PDB file of N, CA and C in Angstrom:
ATOM      1  N   MET A   1       0.844  -1.172   0.000  1.00  0.00           N
ATOM      2  CA  MET A   1       0.000   0.000   0.000  1.00  0.00           C
ATOM      3  C   MET A   1       0.892   1.240   0.000  1.00  0.00           C
ATOM      4  N   VAL A   2       0.446   2.252  -0.715  1.00  0.00           N
ATOM      5  CA  VAL A   2       1.162   3.509  -0.813  1.00  0.00           C
ATOM      6  C   VAL A   2       0.257   4.606  -0.258  1.00  0.00           C
ATOM      7  N   LEU A   3       0.811   5.459   0.563  1.00  0.00           N
ATOM      8  CA  LEU A   3       0.054   6.566   1.123  1.00  0.00           C
ATOM      9  C   LEU A   3       0.373   7.812   0.313  1.00  0.00           C
ATOM     10  N   LYS A   4      -0.658   8.423  -0.266  1.00  0.00           N
ATOM     11  CA  LYS A   4      -0.487   9.628  -1.079  1.00  0.00           C
ATOM     12  C   LYS A   4      -1.381  10.728  -0.527  1.00  0.00           C
ATOM     13  N   THR A   5      -1.022  11.955  -0.821  1.00  0.00           N
ATOM     14  CA  THR A   5      -1.810  13.099  -0.399  1.00  0.00           C
ATOM     15  C   THR A   5      -2.413  13.770  -1.621  1.00  0.00           C
ATOM     16  N   PHE A   6      -3.690  14.118  -1.537  1.00  0.00           N
ATOM     17  CA  PHE A   6      -4.371  14.816  -2.612  1.00  0.00           C
ATOM     18  C   PHE A   6      -4.903  16.133  -2.084  1.00  0.00           C
ATOM     19  N   ASN A   7      -4.894  17.149  -2.914  1.00  0.00           N
ATOM     20  CA  ASN A   7      -5.541  18.407  -2.580  1.00  0.00           C
ATOM     21  C   ASN A   7      -6.950  18.351  -3.130  1.00  0.00           C
ATOM     22  N   VAL A   8      -7.930  18.470  -2.242  1.00  0.00           N
ATOM     23  CA  VAL A   8      -9.330  18.360  -2.624  1.00  0.00           C
ATOM     24  C   VAL A   8     -10.084  19.532  -2.019  1.00  0.00           C
ATOM     25  N   ASP A   9     -11.042  20.046  -2.771  1.00  0.00           N
ATOM     26  CA  ASP A   9     -11.894  21.105  -2.262  1.00  0.00           C
ATOM     27  C   ASP A   9     -12.533  20.661  -0.946  1.00  0.00           C
ATOM     28  N   GLY A  10     -12.442  21.498   0.082  1.00  0.00           N
ATOM     29  CA  GLY A  10     -12.921  21.145   1.414  1.00  0.00           C
ATOM     30  C   GLY A  10     -14.391  20.791   1.465  1.00  0.00           C
ATOM     31  N   LYS A  11     -15.207  21.554   0.763  1.00  0.00           N
ATOM     32  CA  LYS A  11     -16.651  21.295   0.767  1.00  0.00           C
ATOM     33  C   LYS A  11     -16.967  19.951   0.102  1.00  0.00           C
ATOM     34  N   ALA A  12     -16.320  19.701  -1.020  1.00  0.00           N
ATOM     35  CA  ALA A  12     -16.544  18.435  -1.717  1.00  0.00           C
ATOM     36  C   ALA A  12     -16.113  17.266  -0.840  1.00  0.00           C
ATOM     37  N   TYR A  13     -14.976  17.413  -0.161  1.00  0.00           N
ATOM     38  CA  TYR A  13     -14.475  16.353   0.720  1.00  0.00           C
ATOM     39  C   TYR A  13     -15.456  16.090   1.853  1.00  0.00           C
ATOM     40  N   GLU A  14     -15.928  17.137   2.495  1.00  0.00           N
ATOM     41  CA  GLU A  14     -16.846  16.976   3.626  1.00  0.00           C
ATOM     42  C   GLU A  14     -18.141  16.295   3.201  1.00  0.00           C
ATOM     43  N   GLU A  15     -18.691  16.720   2.070  1.00  0.00           N
ATOM     44  CA  GLU A  15     -19.932  16.114   1.574  1.00  0.00           C
ATOM     45  C   GLU A  15     -19.739  14.635   1.254  1.00  0.00           C
ATOM     46  N   PHE A  16     -18.640  14.331   0.586  1.00  0.00           N
ATOM     47  CA  PHE A  16     -18.375  12.941   0.222  1.00  0.00           C
ATOM     48  C   PHE A  16     -18.095  12.102   1.457  1.00  0.00           C
ATOM     49  N   SER A  17     -17.374  12.676   2.406  1.00  0.00           N
ATOM     50  CA  SER A  17     -17.075  11.978   3.653  1.00  0.00           C
ATOM     51  C   SER A  17     -18.356  11.637   4.404  1.00  0.00           C
ATOM     52  N   LYS A  18     -19.273  12.591   4.494  1.00  0.00           N
ATOM     53  CA  LYS A  18     -20.563  12.347   5.165  1.00  0.00           C
ATOM     54  C   LYS A  18     -21.338  11.245   4.455  1.00  0.00           C
ATOM     55  N   HIS A  19     -21.352  11.309   3.135  1.00  0.00           N
ATOM     56  CA  HIS A  19     -22.056  10.290   2.346  1.00  0.00           C
ATOM     57  C   HIS A  19     -21.475   8.906   2.617  1.00  0.00           C
ATOM     58  N   CYS A  20     -20.145   8.813   2.602  1.00  0.00           N
ATOM     59  CA  CYS A  20     -19.487   7.519   2.835  1.00  0.00           C
ATOM     60  C   CYS A  20     -19.775   6.993   4.237  1.00  0.00           C
ATOM     61  N   LYS A  21     -19.691   7.856   5.236  1.00  0.00           N
ATOM     62  CA  LYS A  21     -19.959   7.434   6.612  1.00  0.00           C
ATOM     63  C   LYS A  21     -21.400   6.977   6.772  1.00  0.00           C
ATOM     64  N   LYS A  22     -22.319   7.728   6.201  1.00  0.00           N
ATOM     65  CA  LYS A  22     -23.744   7.409   6.293  1.00  0.00           C
ATOM     66  C   LYS A  22     -24.060   6.053   5.658  1.00  0.00           C
ATOM     67  N   ASN A  23     -23.351   5.734   4.582  1.00  0.00           N
ATOM     68  CA  ASN A  23     -23.636   4.506   3.834  1.00  0.00           C
ATOM     69  C   ASN A  23     -22.634   3.386   4.081  1.00  0.00           C
ATOM     70  N   GLY A  24     -21.742   3.576   5.054  1.00  0.00           N
ATOM     71  CA  GLY A  24     -20.784   2.528   5.391  1.00  0.00           C
ATOM     72  C   GLY A  24     -19.805   2.226   4.273  1.00  0.00           C
ATOM     73  N   ILE A  25     -19.409   3.260   3.555  1.00  0.00           N
ATOM     74  CA  ILE A  25     -18.498   3.102   2.420  1.00  0.00           C
ATOM     75  C   ILE A  25     -17.102   3.551   2.830  1.00  0.00           C
ATOM     76  N   SER A  26     -16.104   2.788   2.425  1.00  0.00           N
ATOM     77  CA  SER A  26     -14.714   3.195   2.644  1.00  0.00           C
ATOM     78  C   SER A  26     -14.356   4.239   1.584  1.00  0.00           C
ATOM     79  N   MET A  27     -14.110   5.478   2.039  1.00  0.00           N
ATOM     80  CA  MET A  27     -13.795   6.547   1.098  1.00  0.00           C
ATOM     81  C   MET A  27     -12.539   6.222   0.304  1.00  0.00           C
ATOM     82  N   SER A  28     -11.513   5.736   0.951  1.00  0.00           N
ATOM     83  CA  SER A  28     -10.266   5.440   0.239  1.00  0.00           C
ATOM     84  C   SER A  28     -10.462   4.327  -0.791  1.00  0.00           C
ATOM     85  N   ARG A  29     -11.280   3.337  -0.446  1.00  0.00           N
ATOM     86  CA  ARG A  29     -11.544   2.256  -1.411  1.00  0.00           C
ATOM     87  C   ARG A  29     -12.331   2.788  -2.596  1.00  0.00           C
ATOM     88  N   ARG A  30     -13.241   3.692  -2.335  1.00  0.00           N
ATOM     89  CA  ARG A  30     -14.039   4.283  -3.409  1.00  0.00           C
ATOM     90  C   ARG A  30     -13.152   5.085  -4.359  1.00  0.00           C
ATOM     91  N   VAL A  31     -12.234   5.860  -3.801  1.00  0.00           N
ATOM     92  CA  VAL A  31     -11.305   6.637  -4.629  1.00  0.00           C
ATOM     93  C   VAL A  31     -10.391   5.692  -5.417  1.00  0.00           C
ATOM     94  N   GLU A  32      -9.922   4.647  -4.761  1.00  0.00           N
ATOM     95  CA  GLU A  32      -9.071   3.663  -5.434  1.00  0.00           C
ATOM     96  C   GLU A  32      -9.804   3.027  -6.612  1.00  0.00           C
ATOM     97  N   ASN A  33     -11.051   2.645  -6.409  1.00  0.00           N
ATOM     98  CA  ASN A  33     -11.842   2.043  -7.491  1.00  0.00           C
ATOM     99  C   ASN A  33     -12.069   3.033  -8.630  1.00  0.00           C
ATOM    100  N   PHE A  34     -12.290   4.302  -8.275  1.00  0.00           N
ATOM    101  CA  PHE A  34     -12.454   5.327  -9.306  1.00  0.00           C
ATOM    102  C   PHE A  34     -11.190   5.429 -10.161  1.00  0.00           C
ATOM    103  N   ILE A  35     -10.041   5.448  -9.514  1.00  0.00           N
ATOM    104  CA  ILE A  35      -8.772   5.547 -10.242  1.00  0.00           C
ATOM    105  C   ILE A  35      -8.585   4.337 -11.158  1.00  0.00           C
ATOM    106  N   LYS A  36      -8.900   3.154 -10.656  1.00  0.00           N
ATOM    107  CA  LYS A  36      -8.769   1.941 -11.477  1.00  0.00           C
ATOM    108  C   LYS A  36      -9.687   2.006 -12.691  1.00  0.00           C
ATOM    109  N   GLU A  37     -10.935   2.452 -12.492  1.00  0.00           N
ATOM    110  CA  GLU A  37     -11.877   2.563 -13.609  1.00  0.00           C
ATOM    111  C   GLU A  37     -11.382   3.571 -14.640  1.00  0.00           C
ATOM    112  N   GLU A  38     -10.856   4.690 -14.174  1.00  0.00           N
ATOM    113  CA  GLU A  38     -10.329   5.703 -15.088  1.00  0.00           C
ATOM    114  C   GLU A  38      -9.154   5.156 -15.890  1.00  0.00           C
ATOM    115  N   MET A  39      -8.290   4.394 -15.237  1.00  0.00           N
ATOM    116  CA  MET A  39      -7.142   3.819 -15.935  1.00  0.00           C
ATOM    117  C   MET A  39      -7.592   2.818 -16.998  1.00  0.00           C
ATOM    118  N   GLU A  40      -8.632   2.051 -16.723  1.00  0.00           N
ATOM    119  CA  GLU A  40      -9.163   1.123 -17.720  1.00  0.00           C
ATOM    120  C   GLU A  40      -9.695   1.888 -18.926  1.00  0.00           C
ATOM    121  N   LYS A  41     -10.403   3.006 -18.688  1.00  0.00           N
ATOM    122  CA  LYS A  41     -10.905   3.832 -19.789  1.00  0.00           C
ATOM    123  C   LYS A  41      -9.753   4.376 -20.611  1.00  0.00           C
ATOM    124  N   ILE A  42      -8.730   4.882 -19.927  1.00  0.00           N
ATOM    125  CA  ILE A  42      -7.570   5.448 -20.617  1.00  0.00           C
ATOM    126  C   ILE A  42      -6.881   4.389 -21.470  1.00  0.00           C
ATOM    127  N   LYS A  43      -6.726   3.193 -20.914  1.00  0.00           N
ATOM    128  CA  LYS A  43      -6.074   2.105 -21.657  1.00  0.00           C
ATOM    129  C   LYS A  43      -6.890   1.712 -22.878  1.00  0.00           C
ATOM    130  N   SER A  44      -8.219   1.607 -22.720  1.00  0.00           N
ATOM    131  CA  SER A  44      -9.053   1.204 -23.855  1.00  0.00           C
ATOM    132  C   SER A  44      -9.081   2.293 -24.923  1.00  0.00           C
ATOM    133  N   GLU A  45      -9.074   3.578 -24.529  1.00  0.00           N
ATOM    134  CA  GLU A  45      -9.014   4.664 -25.504  1.00  0.00           C
ATOM    135  C   GLU A  45      -7.691   4.641 -26.246  1.00  0.00           C
ATOM    136  N   SER A  46      -6.623   4.321 -25.551  1.00  0.00           N
ATOM    137  CA  SER A  46      -5.310   4.254 -26.167  1.00  0.00           C
ATOM    138  C   SER A  46      -5.265   3.139 -27.200  1.00  0.00           C
ATOM    139  N   ILE A  47      -5.857   2.014 -26.882  1.00  0.00           N
ATOM    140  CA  ILE A  47      -5.895   0.883 -27.816  1.00  0.00           C
ATOM    141  C   ILE A  47      -6.701   1.258 -29.044  1.00  0.00           C
ATOM    142  N   GLU A  48      -7.850   1.930 -28.855  1.00  0.00           N
ATOM    143  CA  GLU A  48      -8.680   2.328 -29.985  1.00  0.00           C
ATOM    144  C   GLU A  48      -7.937   3.275 -30.910  1.00  0.00           C
ATOM    145  N   ARG A  49      -7.136   4.190 -30.358  1.00  0.00           N
ATOM    146  CA  ARG A  49      -6.401   5.155 -31.170  1.00  0.00           C
ATOM    147  C   ARG A  49      -5.274   4.502 -31.953  1.00  0.00           C
ATOM    148  N   THR A  50      -4.740   3.381 -31.468  1.00  0.00           N
ATOM    149  CA  THR A  50      -3.624   2.747 -32.160  1.00  0.00           C
ATOM    150  C   THR A  50      -4.073   1.761 -33.221  1.00  0.00           C
ATOM    151  N   GLU A  51      -5.375   1.444 -33.271  1.00  0.00           N
ATOM    152  CA  GLU A  51      -5.873   0.534 -34.290  1.00  0.00           C
ATOM    153  C   GLU A  51      -5.826   1.232 -35.642  1.00  0.00           C
ATOM    154  N   MET A  52      -5.678   0.439 -36.700  1.00  0.00           N
ATOM    155  CA  MET A  52      -5.601   0.987 -38.035  1.00  0.00           C
ATOM    156  C   MET A  52      -6.928   1.646 -38.415  1.00  0.00           C
ATOM    157  N   PRO A  53      -6.889   2.862 -38.927  1.00  0.00           N
ATOM    158  CA  PRO A  53      -8.128   3.510 -39.350  1.00  0.00           C
ATOM    159  C   PRO A  53      -8.680   2.851 -40.606  1.00  0.00           C
ATOM    160  N   GLU A  54      -9.952   3.010 -40.809  1.00  0.00           N
ATOM    161  CA  GLU A  54     -10.604   2.461 -41.995  1.00  0.00           C
ATOM    162  C   GLU A  54     -10.070   3.181 -43.224  1.00  0.00           C
ATOM    163  N   THR A  55      -9.812   2.440 -44.295  1.00  0.00           N
ATOM    164  CA  THR A  55      -9.335   3.039 -45.536  1.00  0.00           C
ATOM    165  C   THR A  55     -10.514   3.733 -46.209  1.00  0.00           C
ATOM    166  N   PRO A  56     -10.375   5.029 -46.485  1.00  0.00           N
ATOM    167  CA  PRO A  56     -11.495   5.745 -47.100  1.00  0.00           C
ATOM    168  C   PRO A  56     -11.773   5.243 -48.501  1.00  0.00           C
ATOM    169  N   LYS A  57     -13.039   5.249 -48.874  1.00  0.00           N
ATOM    170  CA  LYS A  57     -13.444   4.856 -50.209  1.00  0.00           C
ATOM    171  C   LYS A  57     -13.166   6.029 -51.146  1.00  0.00           C
ATOM    172  N   PRO A  58     -12.967   5.756 -52.445  1.00  0.00           N
ATOM    173  CA  PRO A  58     -12.614   6.832 -53.389  1.00  0.00           C
ATOM    174  C   PRO A  58     -13.557   8.036 -53.345  1.00  0.00           C
ATOM    175  N   GLU A  59     -14.867   7.810 -53.256  1.00  0.00           N
ATOM    176  CA  GLU A  59     -15.796   8.943 -53.235  1.00  0.00           C
ATOM    177  C   GLU A  59     -15.623   9.779 -51.972  1.00  0.00           C
ATOM    178  N   LYS A  60     -15.252   9.124 -50.883  1.00  0.00           N
ATOM    179  CA  LYS A  60     -15.008   9.847 -49.633  1.00  0.00           C
ATOM    180  C   LYS A  60     -13.733  10.679 -49.752  1.00  0.00           C
ATOM    181  N   ILE A  61     -12.712  10.119 -50.408  1.00  0.00           N
ATOM    182  CA  ILE A  61     -11.465  10.856 -50.616  1.00  0.00           C
ATOM    183  C   ILE A  61     -11.740  12.096 -51.458  1.00  0.00           C
ATOM    184  N   GLN A  62     -12.516  11.951 -52.520  1.00  0.00           N
ATOM    185  CA  GLN A  62     -12.830  13.082 -53.389  1.00  0.00           C
ATOM    186  C   GLN A  62     -13.573  14.159 -52.609  1.00  0.00           C
ATOM    187  N   LYS A  63     -14.500  13.755 -51.742  1.00  0.00           N
ATOM    188  CA  LYS A  63     -15.250  14.726 -50.950  1.00  0.00           C
ATOM    189  C   LYS A  63     -14.317  15.474 -50.004  1.00  0.00           C
ATOM    190  N   ILE A  64     -13.391  14.763 -49.371  1.00  0.00           N
ATOM    191  CA  ILE A  64     -12.434  15.394 -48.467  1.00  0.00           C
ATOM    192  C   ILE A  64     -11.556  16.372 -49.239  1.00  0.00           C
ATOM    193  N   GLU A  65     -11.088  15.971 -50.422  1.00  0.00           N
ATOM    194  CA  GLU A  65     -10.251  16.858 -51.224  1.00  0.00           C
ATOM    195  C   GLU A  65     -11.016  18.112 -51.616  1.00  0.00           C
ATOM    196  N   ASN A  66     -12.300  17.955 -51.965  1.00  0.00           N
ATOM    197  CA  ASN A  66     -13.121  19.105 -52.322  1.00  0.00           C
ATOM    198  C   ASN A  66     -13.313  20.037 -51.134  1.00  0.00           C
ATOM    199  N   GLU A  67     -13.478  19.479 -49.945  1.00  0.00           N
ATOM    200  CA  GLU A  67     -13.678  20.298 -48.746  1.00  0.00           C
ATOM    201  C   GLU A  67     -12.424  21.094 -48.426  1.00  0.00           C
ATOM    202  N   LEU A  68     -11.249  20.582 -48.792  1.00  0.00           N
ATOM    203  CA  LEU A  68     -10.011  21.273 -48.515  1.00  0.00           C
ATOM    204  C   LEU A  68      -9.719  22.366 -49.537  1.00  0.00           C
ATOM    205  N   HIS A  69     -10.335  22.283 -50.683  1.00  0.00           N
ATOM    206  CA  HIS A  69     -10.111  23.249 -51.739  1.00  0.00           C
ATOM    207  C   HIS A  69     -10.802  24.567 -51.358  1.00  0.00           C
ATOM    208  N   PRO A  70     -10.097  25.713 -51.473  1.00  0.00           N
ATOM    209  CA  PRO A  70     -10.682  26.978 -51.032  1.00  0.00           C
ATOM    210  C   PRO A  70     -11.944  27.385 -51.781  1.00  0.00           C
ATOM    211  N   LEU A  71     -12.119  26.898 -52.988  1.00  0.00           N
ATOM    212  CA  LEU A  71     -13.325  27.226 -53.763  1.00  0.00           C
ATOM    213  C   LEU A  71     -14.286  26.052 -53.842  1.00  0.00           C
ATOM    214  N   SER A  72     -14.157  25.107 -52.921  1.00  0.00           N
ATOM    215  CA  SER A  72     -14.936  23.871 -52.995  1.00  0.00           C
ATOM    216  C   SER A  72     -16.435  24.123 -52.953  1.00  0.00           C
ATOM    217  N   LYS A  73     -16.869  25.178 -52.277  1.00  0.00           N
ATOM    218  CA  LYS A  73     -18.319  25.416 -52.204  1.00  0.00           C
ATOM    219  C   LYS A  73     -18.887  25.815 -53.563  1.00  0.00           C
ATOM    220  N   TYR A  74     -18.017  26.194 -54.504  1.00  0.00           N
ATOM    221  CA  TYR A  74     -18.466  26.567 -55.838  1.00  0.00           C
ATOM    222  C   TYR A  74     -18.308  25.443 -56.838  1.00  0.00           C
ATOM    223  N   CYS A  75     -17.673  24.362 -56.441  1.00  0.00           N
ATOM    224  CA  CYS A  75     -17.421  23.243 -57.369  1.00  0.00           C
ATOM    225  C   CYS A  75     -18.545  22.250 -57.355  1.00  0.00           C
TER     226      CYS A  75
END
């Protein structure tokens, strides 16, 4: 186990602390689970970004090229 210090808004901390005490929730475990969930999201987003993008179809390429052309709205 590692002990870390976080700076948290006092009002938010007090409200969350009361909620955890009222419901028998371990605040530190809840924060730990939140961090783990966030890391899973970050990892899955990273994997999605590294996958090969779909190869555009010729008509899609032409549309993109037209959109980049400064006079494309007139073509």
